[in-house]
Protein backbone atom coordinates (compact mmCIF):
# COMPACT_ATOMS: atom_id res chain seq x y z
CA MET A 1 -106.58 36.41 2.34
CA ILE A 2 -106.12 34.71 5.62
CA GLY A 3 -107.86 31.51 4.62
CA TYR A 4 -106.24 30.71 1.23
CA GLY A 5 -102.93 32.21 2.35
CA THR A 6 -102.51 29.87 5.30
CA TRP A 7 -104.35 26.70 4.29
CA LEU A 8 -103.76 26.45 0.58
CA TYR A 9 -100.59 28.46 -0.42
CA SER A 10 -98.50 27.62 2.62
CA PHE A 11 -98.89 23.83 2.42
CA GLY A 12 -95.89 23.34 0.26
CA VAL A 13 -93.69 25.24 2.72
CA PHE A 14 -94.58 22.66 5.37
CA LEU A 15 -94.02 19.63 3.15
CA LYS A 16 -90.26 19.03 3.26
CA PRO A 17 -89.91 19.84 7.05
CA MET A 18 -92.54 17.27 7.92
CA CYS A 19 -91.06 14.78 5.52
CA ALA A 20 -87.72 15.24 7.25
CA GLU A 21 -88.96 14.75 10.73
CA PHE A 22 -91.21 11.77 10.21
CA GLY A 23 -89.50 10.07 7.17
CA TRP A 24 -92.60 10.25 5.01
CA THR A 25 -92.31 10.21 1.22
CA ARG A 26 -93.55 13.26 -0.67
CA ALA A 27 -96.50 11.25 -2.01
CA MET A 28 -97.48 10.24 1.49
CA THR A 29 -97.31 13.83 2.73
CA ALA A 30 -99.08 15.33 -0.19
CA GLY A 31 -101.91 12.87 0.58
CA ALA A 32 -103.15 15.21 3.29
CA TYR A 33 -103.67 17.86 0.64
CA SER A 34 -105.46 15.34 -1.57
CA LEU A 35 -107.69 14.25 1.40
CA ARG A 36 -108.39 18.00 1.91
CA SER A 37 -109.76 18.07 -1.63
CA ILE A 38 -111.86 14.93 -1.24
CA GLU A 39 -113.32 16.24 2.04
CA GLY A 40 -114.02 19.59 0.29
CA GLY A 41 -115.94 17.78 -2.41
CA VAL A 42 -117.95 15.76 0.16
CA ALA A 43 -118.69 18.76 2.25
CA ALA A 44 -119.55 21.15 -0.57
CA PRO A 45 -123.13 20.08 -1.18
CA ILE A 46 -123.77 20.32 2.58
CA VAL A 47 -122.22 23.78 2.77
CA GLY A 48 -124.15 24.89 -0.35
CA TRP A 49 -127.42 23.78 1.35
CA ALA A 50 -126.45 25.48 4.61
CA VAL A 51 -125.63 28.71 2.85
CA ASP A 52 -129.03 28.77 1.10
CA LYS A 53 -130.84 27.81 4.33
CA TYR A 54 -129.00 29.69 7.13
CA GLY A 55 -127.08 32.33 5.29
CA ALA A 56 -123.44 32.75 4.55
CA ARG A 57 -122.56 34.75 7.64
CA ILE A 58 -123.34 31.94 10.13
CA VAL A 59 -121.62 29.36 7.89
CA ILE A 60 -118.45 31.45 7.56
CA ALA A 61 -118.30 32.06 11.27
CA VAL A 62 -118.57 28.38 12.08
CA GLY A 63 -115.93 27.65 9.45
CA ALA A 64 -113.49 30.19 10.98
CA VAL A 65 -113.77 28.61 14.47
CA ILE A 66 -113.13 25.15 13.13
CA SER A 67 -110.25 26.28 10.90
CA GLY A 68 -108.45 27.99 13.78
CA LEU A 69 -108.91 24.83 15.86
CA GLY A 70 -107.52 22.66 13.10
CA PHE A 71 -104.34 24.64 12.77
CA VAL A 72 -103.76 24.64 16.56
CA LEU A 73 -104.32 20.84 16.71
CA MET A 74 -101.59 20.36 14.15
CA TYR A 75 -99.07 21.05 16.95
CA PHE A 76 -99.94 17.63 18.47
CA VAL A 77 -99.52 15.53 15.20
CA GLU A 78 -97.29 12.49 15.76
CA SER A 79 -98.41 10.15 12.90
CA LEU A 80 -99.36 10.25 9.28
CA SER A 81 -102.96 9.24 10.17
CA GLY A 82 -103.20 12.12 12.74
CA PHE A 83 -101.92 14.49 10.02
CA TYR A 84 -104.55 13.21 7.60
CA VAL A 85 -107.35 13.50 10.17
CA ILE A 86 -106.51 17.02 11.38
CA TYR A 87 -105.26 18.67 8.14
CA GLY A 88 -107.24 16.62 5.67
CA ILE A 89 -110.54 16.55 7.56
CA VAL A 90 -110.89 18.91 10.55
CA LEU A 91 -109.15 21.84 8.98
CA SER A 92 -110.67 21.29 5.56
CA VAL A 93 -114.17 21.10 6.96
CA GLY A 94 -113.57 24.58 8.51
CA MET A 95 -112.09 26.07 5.35
CA SER A 96 -114.96 24.57 3.15
CA ALA A 97 -117.40 26.46 5.28
CA MET A 98 -115.33 29.62 5.49
CA LEU A 99 -114.09 30.13 1.98
CA TYR A 100 -115.06 30.14 -1.70
CA LEU A 101 -118.51 28.71 -1.87
CA PRO A 102 -120.15 30.92 0.67
CA ALA A 103 -118.24 34.02 -0.50
CA TRP A 104 -118.99 33.47 -4.20
CA THR A 105 -122.66 32.85 -3.36
CA VAL A 106 -122.85 36.13 -1.35
CA ILE A 107 -121.28 38.16 -4.18
CA ALA A 108 -123.53 36.60 -6.80
CA LYS A 109 -126.55 37.75 -4.68
CA TRP A 110 -125.26 41.24 -4.36
CA PHE A 111 -124.26 41.91 -7.98
CA VAL A 112 -126.36 41.53 -11.20
CA ARG A 113 -124.13 43.86 -13.36
CA ARG A 114 -120.38 43.81 -13.06
CA LEU A 115 -120.45 40.47 -11.33
CA SER A 116 -117.28 39.22 -12.91
CA LEU A 117 -115.35 42.28 -11.81
CA ALA A 118 -116.76 41.95 -8.31
CA LEU A 119 -115.63 38.38 -8.15
CA GLY A 120 -112.19 39.45 -9.40
CA ILE A 121 -111.85 41.98 -6.68
CA LEU A 122 -112.94 39.43 -4.11
CA SER A 123 -110.35 36.91 -5.32
CA VAL A 124 -107.52 39.49 -4.90
CA GLY A 125 -107.65 38.64 -1.23
CA ALA A 126 -106.40 35.10 -1.98
CA GLY A 127 -103.62 36.53 -4.11
CA ILE A 128 -102.42 38.79 -1.42
CA GLY A 129 -102.69 35.92 1.08
CA GLY A 130 -100.20 33.82 -0.97
CA LEU A 131 -97.84 36.77 -1.09
CA ILE A 132 -97.87 37.36 2.69
CA CYS A 133 -98.63 33.95 4.29
CA ALA A 134 -96.26 31.57 2.49
CA PRO A 135 -93.10 33.57 3.19
CA ALA A 136 -94.35 34.22 6.70
CA ALA A 137 -94.87 30.51 7.26
CA ALA A 138 -91.31 29.85 5.95
CA PHE A 139 -89.93 32.44 8.48
CA LEU A 140 -91.83 30.82 11.37
CA ILE A 141 -90.72 27.28 10.38
CA THR A 142 -87.08 28.39 10.00
CA HIS A 143 -86.94 30.14 13.41
CA TYR A 144 -89.51 28.30 15.62
CA GLY A 145 -90.33 25.00 13.91
CA TRP A 146 -93.27 23.83 11.90
CA ARG A 147 -95.39 22.94 15.00
CA ALA A 148 -95.23 26.50 16.50
CA ALA A 149 -95.96 27.89 13.00
CA PHE A 150 -99.18 26.05 12.79
CA VAL A 151 -100.33 27.35 16.15
CA VAL A 152 -99.54 30.89 15.13
CA LEU A 153 -101.58 30.43 12.02
CA GLY A 154 -104.50 29.18 14.07
CA VAL A 155 -104.46 32.11 16.43
CA VAL A 156 -104.23 34.55 13.60
CA MET A 157 -107.19 32.89 11.94
CA TRP A 158 -109.34 33.47 14.97
CA MET A 159 -108.12 37.05 15.46
CA VAL A 160 -108.74 38.05 11.84
CA ALA A 161 -111.53 36.01 10.32
CA LEU A 162 -113.97 35.83 13.27
CA PRO A 163 -114.44 39.64 13.66
CA LEU A 164 -114.87 40.04 9.97
CA THR A 165 -117.97 37.84 9.92
CA LEU A 166 -119.82 40.44 11.87
CA VAL A 167 -120.06 42.76 8.85
CA ILE A 168 -121.15 40.04 6.29
CA ARG A 169 -124.68 40.21 4.95
CA SER A 170 -125.82 37.25 2.85
CA SER A 171 -128.00 39.38 0.53
CA PRO A 172 -128.82 43.08 -0.02
CA ASP A 173 -132.31 42.35 1.38
CA GLU A 174 -130.81 42.32 4.86
CA LYS A 175 -129.93 45.95 4.50
CA GLY A 176 -133.08 46.96 2.65
CA MET A 177 -131.25 47.17 -0.66
CA ARG A 178 -131.38 45.54 -4.08
CA PRO A 179 -128.65 43.75 -5.99
CA TYR A 180 -126.39 46.14 -7.96
CA GLY A 181 -127.90 46.49 -11.47
CA SER A 182 -131.26 44.90 -10.68
CA GLU A 183 -133.06 48.20 -11.27
CA ILE A 184 -131.87 48.32 -14.89
CA ASN A 185 -133.15 44.82 -15.46
CA ALA A 186 -136.49 45.85 -14.02
CA ARG A 187 -136.78 48.86 -16.31
CA SER A 188 -135.82 46.71 -19.25
CA SER A 189 -138.55 44.18 -18.51
CA GLN A 190 -141.18 46.90 -17.98
CA ARG A 191 -140.35 48.30 -21.56
CA ASN A 192 -140.38 44.64 -22.91
CA SER A 193 -137.41 45.49 -24.96
CA PRO A 194 -133.70 45.36 -24.41
CA ILE A 195 -131.95 48.38 -23.10
CA GLU A 196 -128.80 49.84 -24.61
CA PRO A 197 -126.37 50.12 -21.71
CA ASP A 198 -122.95 51.72 -22.32
CA ARG A 199 -119.99 49.53 -22.98
CA LYS A 200 -118.45 50.21 -19.56
CA ASN A 201 -121.45 49.04 -17.52
CA ARG A 202 -123.06 46.38 -19.59
CA GLU A 203 -123.34 42.69 -18.60
CA VAL A 204 -122.74 40.73 -21.71
CA HIS A 205 -124.33 37.38 -20.69
CA ALA A 206 -127.23 37.52 -18.30
CA PRO A 207 -129.05 34.28 -17.27
CA SER A 208 -132.31 33.85 -19.04
CA ARG A 209 -133.79 32.20 -15.97
CA ASP A 210 -132.98 30.28 -12.83
CA TYR A 211 -132.33 26.53 -13.25
CA THR A 212 -132.99 24.00 -10.64
CA LEU A 213 -130.28 21.65 -9.45
CA LYS A 214 -131.99 18.77 -11.26
CA GLU A 215 -132.00 20.68 -14.48
CA ALA A 216 -128.47 21.69 -14.14
CA LEU A 217 -127.29 18.13 -13.43
CA SER A 218 -129.22 16.76 -16.49
CA SER A 219 -127.38 19.16 -18.86
CA SER A 220 -124.21 18.41 -20.88
CA THR A 221 -123.02 21.96 -20.04
CA PHE A 222 -122.83 21.14 -16.40
CA TRP A 223 -120.53 18.14 -16.98
CA LEU A 224 -118.40 19.85 -19.56
CA LEU A 225 -117.69 22.61 -17.00
CA CYS A 226 -116.81 19.89 -14.45
CA THR A 227 -114.37 18.34 -16.90
CA ALA A 228 -112.62 21.62 -17.62
CA PHE A 229 -112.48 22.49 -13.98
CA PHE A 230 -111.12 19.03 -13.20
CA PHE A 231 -108.10 19.43 -15.40
CA GLN A 232 -107.43 23.03 -14.24
CA GLY A 233 -107.64 21.80 -10.66
CA VAL A 234 -104.99 19.10 -11.34
CA ALA A 235 -102.63 21.88 -12.61
CA HIS A 236 -103.30 24.16 -9.69
CA SER A 237 -102.87 21.62 -6.99
CA VAL A 238 -99.68 20.23 -8.38
CA VAL A 239 -98.15 23.78 -8.57
CA THR A 240 -99.42 24.70 -5.09
CA VAL A 241 -98.05 21.56 -3.34
CA HIS A 242 -94.86 20.82 -5.36
CA THR A 243 -93.36 24.14 -6.56
CA VAL A 244 -91.52 24.91 -3.29
CA PRO A 245 -90.08 21.38 -2.94
CA ALA A 246 -89.08 21.41 -6.59
CA LEU A 247 -87.27 24.72 -6.21
CA THR A 248 -85.40 23.68 -3.06
CA ASP A 249 -84.37 20.50 -4.79
CA ALA A 250 -82.79 22.77 -7.42
CA GLY A 251 -80.74 24.41 -4.62
CA ILE A 252 -82.90 27.48 -4.02
CA PRO A 253 -83.16 28.35 -0.35
CA VAL A 254 -86.46 27.59 1.28
CA GLU A 255 -87.41 31.19 2.18
CA LYS A 256 -86.63 32.27 -1.41
CA ALA A 257 -88.61 29.33 -2.77
CA ALA A 258 -91.55 30.21 -0.62
CA LEU A 259 -91.45 33.68 -1.98
CA SER A 260 -92.08 32.11 -5.35
CA ILE A 261 -95.59 31.24 -4.13
CA GLY A 262 -96.00 34.86 -3.14
CA ILE A 263 -94.87 35.96 -6.56
CA LEU A 264 -97.25 33.51 -8.16
CA THR A 265 -100.26 34.78 -6.20
CA SER A 266 -99.40 38.41 -6.50
CA VAL A 267 -98.98 38.07 -10.28
CA SER A 268 -102.37 36.28 -10.36
CA ILE A 269 -103.91 39.52 -9.19
CA ILE A 270 -103.34 40.82 -12.79
CA GLY A 271 -105.38 37.93 -14.11
CA ARG A 272 -108.06 38.12 -11.41
CA LEU A 273 -108.80 41.86 -12.07
CA GLY A 274 -108.05 41.73 -15.79
CA PHE A 275 -110.16 38.67 -16.57
CA GLY A 276 -112.74 39.76 -14.09
CA TYR A 277 -113.25 43.04 -15.97
CA LEU A 278 -113.22 41.29 -19.36
CA GLY A 279 -115.65 38.77 -18.14
CA ASP A 280 -118.40 41.35 -18.17
CA LEU A 281 -117.58 42.16 -21.80
CA ILE A 282 -116.55 38.97 -23.56
CA ALA A 283 -118.00 35.50 -23.50
CA LYS A 284 -116.39 33.77 -20.51
CA ARG A 285 -115.66 30.43 -22.18
CA TYR A 286 -113.25 32.19 -24.65
CA LEU A 287 -111.50 33.85 -21.73
CA PHE A 288 -111.19 30.53 -20.06
CA MET A 289 -109.42 29.20 -23.19
CA ILE A 290 -106.85 31.93 -22.97
CA ALA A 291 -106.29 31.40 -19.22
CA TYR A 292 -105.91 27.64 -19.65
CA GLY A 293 -103.38 28.31 -22.44
CA LEU A 294 -101.26 30.51 -20.11
CA MET A 295 -101.39 27.93 -17.30
CA GLY A 296 -100.27 25.15 -19.53
CA SER A 297 -97.43 27.31 -21.03
CA GLY A 298 -96.27 28.19 -17.54
CA LEU A 299 -96.07 24.52 -16.46
CA LEU A 300 -94.08 23.51 -19.63
CA VAL A 301 -91.58 26.31 -18.82
CA LEU A 302 -91.43 25.13 -15.18
CA MET A 303 -90.19 21.67 -16.43
CA ASP A 304 -86.66 23.07 -16.94
CA ALA A 305 -86.62 25.70 -14.25
CA GLN A 306 -83.08 25.75 -12.79
CA ALA A 307 -82.54 29.56 -12.48
CA MET A 308 -84.83 32.06 -10.93
CA THR A 309 -85.29 33.87 -14.27
CA THR A 310 -86.98 30.78 -15.72
CA VAL A 311 -88.94 30.38 -12.58
CA TYR A 312 -90.20 33.94 -12.74
CA THR A 313 -91.25 33.43 -16.38
CA SER A 314 -93.14 30.29 -15.60
CA LEU A 315 -94.90 31.81 -12.51
CA THR A 316 -95.93 34.84 -14.53
CA LEU A 317 -97.54 32.81 -17.25
CA PHE A 318 -99.20 30.38 -14.87
CA GLY A 319 -100.17 33.04 -12.31
CA ILE A 320 -101.93 35.34 -14.85
CA GLY A 321 -103.83 32.31 -16.31
CA PHE A 322 -104.69 30.85 -12.91
CA GLY A 323 -105.80 34.17 -11.55
CA GLY A 324 -107.87 34.74 -14.58
CA MET A 325 -110.03 31.71 -14.24
CA ILE A 326 -110.78 32.43 -10.52
CA PRO A 327 -113.62 35.10 -11.11
CA LEU A 328 -114.66 33.34 -14.23
CA MET A 329 -115.65 30.10 -12.49
CA PRO A 330 -118.47 31.38 -10.34
CA GLY A 331 -119.31 33.95 -13.01
CA ILE A 332 -120.05 31.32 -15.61
CA ARG A 333 -122.11 29.30 -13.25
CA VAL A 334 -124.39 32.25 -12.57
CA GLU A 335 -124.47 33.07 -16.27
CA TYR A 336 -125.51 29.58 -17.24
CA PHE A 337 -127.68 28.41 -14.36
CA GLY A 338 -129.01 31.64 -12.52
CA ARG A 339 -128.95 32.44 -8.82
CA ALA A 340 -131.89 30.74 -7.11
CA ALA A 341 -130.12 27.36 -6.60
CA LEU A 342 -126.56 28.65 -7.06
CA GLY A 343 -125.38 27.41 -3.70
CA LYS A 344 -126.67 23.88 -4.38
CA ILE A 345 -125.36 23.76 -8.00
CA GLN A 346 -121.85 24.94 -6.90
CA GLY A 347 -121.98 22.42 -4.08
CA PHE A 348 -122.71 19.51 -6.35
CA MET A 349 -120.10 20.63 -8.96
CA SER A 350 -117.43 20.74 -6.27
CA PRO A 351 -117.10 16.90 -5.67
CA VAL A 352 -116.11 16.39 -9.25
CA VAL A 353 -113.75 19.31 -9.28
CA MET A 354 -112.21 18.48 -5.94
CA LEU A 355 -111.13 15.03 -7.19
CA SER A 356 -108.52 16.84 -9.24
CA GLY A 357 -106.99 18.31 -6.09
CA ALA A 358 -106.88 14.87 -4.67
CA ALA A 359 -105.32 13.16 -7.67
CA GLY A 360 -102.76 15.77 -8.75
CA PRO A 361 -100.51 16.06 -5.71
CA ILE A 362 -100.37 12.34 -5.02
CA ILE A 363 -99.61 11.39 -8.64
CA ALA A 364 -96.89 14.21 -8.82
CA GLY A 365 -95.43 13.06 -5.55
CA HIS A 366 -95.37 9.44 -6.69
CA LEU A 367 -93.70 10.35 -9.97
CA PHE A 368 -91.07 12.28 -8.07
CA ASP A 369 -90.45 9.37 -5.67
CA THR A 370 -90.10 7.06 -8.71
CA THR A 371 -88.03 9.24 -10.99
CA GLY A 372 -86.39 11.65 -8.65
CA SER A 373 -87.60 14.57 -10.75
CA TYR A 374 -90.68 16.68 -11.25
CA ARG A 375 -90.16 17.03 -15.01
CA THR A 376 -92.70 14.31 -15.88
CA SER A 377 -95.19 15.65 -13.44
CA PHE A 378 -95.05 19.18 -14.87
CA LEU A 379 -95.14 17.88 -18.51
CA CYS A 380 -98.34 15.80 -18.06
CA THR A 381 -100.12 18.44 -15.91
CA GLY A 382 -99.28 21.13 -18.46
CA LEU A 383 -100.78 19.06 -21.27
CA LEU A 384 -104.00 18.46 -19.30
CA THR A 385 -104.77 22.18 -19.29
CA PHE A 386 -104.83 22.08 -23.10
CA VAL A 387 -107.45 19.34 -22.81
CA ALA A 388 -109.40 21.70 -20.60
CA ILE A 389 -109.39 24.21 -23.42
CA VAL A 390 -111.30 21.73 -25.63
CA ALA A 391 -113.85 20.94 -22.84
CA ILE A 392 -114.63 24.56 -22.03
CA PHE A 393 -115.07 25.41 -25.76
CA PHE A 394 -118.01 23.04 -26.01
CA ALA A 395 -119.49 24.13 -22.69
CA ARG A 396 -122.15 26.36 -24.22
CA PRO A 397 -125.16 27.97 -22.42
CA ILE A 398 -128.06 25.62 -21.85
CA LYS A 399 -130.66 25.56 -24.58
CA LYS A 400 -134.16 24.46 -23.50
CA SER A 401 -137.25 24.23 -25.74
CA GLY A 402 -139.65 26.97 -25.10
CA SER A 403 -137.27 29.22 -23.18
CA PRO A 404 -134.66 31.76 -24.15
CA THR A 405 -131.02 30.87 -23.87
CA ALA A 406 -128.52 32.59 -21.74
């Protein structure tokens, strides 16, 4: 909640005030968000390795310290290069260590059954963060300025995130427990025949075995997933960075425009929980196709958003689809590649995926600087999500000679 709410969903709220003070274009300012994505891609393999070697608890704690420091240092920014270094590198290093990759890896080690639902519940925190933090950041900027707002975010980061690391356990072994659902798999193996779990508790797709990083990288499935995630990432980054500026350009007050991000993330909770539940019952790639269709439709509606009614329709469609794919992403990785090298596999997939977060905001900002409108940006981005539908359709479980398929 505190990580995604401050670092990701509040960025668009800071964009126009910083442009106004320094005279930067929107493409230049959005470049810090893009650098954040590039850094995340570079750091992800290292974070994945550190999680597998030292445990998520230590990695998340270190990330929380660096993240709070990055926010506080934003108070001293006086140049574009300084902004890029602090927000795009220092702060992003901290968030890479604190957020999704360590958290997803922990949950995957705690749950065998109901994994998608567990990931959906975890991701609700990010949705609540957008609802709370973006409007709060807008309030702080309006009354105290963007520099003070960043300092407050940093102090809150230390006060909230650091104490919470004390309760994290990287795997159930640390508490003398086994992963949820592992006892059923054990009984099934002993009988050498499949069990017949009830519909409510079954896991539709369980990994046949654990794949190594090398095996994953050599499969077409890995790269098809990367392709689909790349196009979804473009859509998400463009909406996150440019929705608030687009709405204020249309004459909507900044605090009301910031609330739209809160609405987007709160609506996404429906998708996070709903698709998380369905992910244990239905093949995940089909659910991805539905989620991407909703995201693309929402962007096409946003092209002509001049009234809040149209904005709400767009955010509802996009939010449910975006929220739906959040628990499905780590879930499908576990389903296809297993758990043993999950941190490394996720870490090596991230650089490809993070390129989308780098390209999307800069291109959208440049198109705005050139045309004076976000219409072309939203149109192109929306169409890319439909390309992702095709890619995810062909991303089937790995088939290897002599071994069962997932």
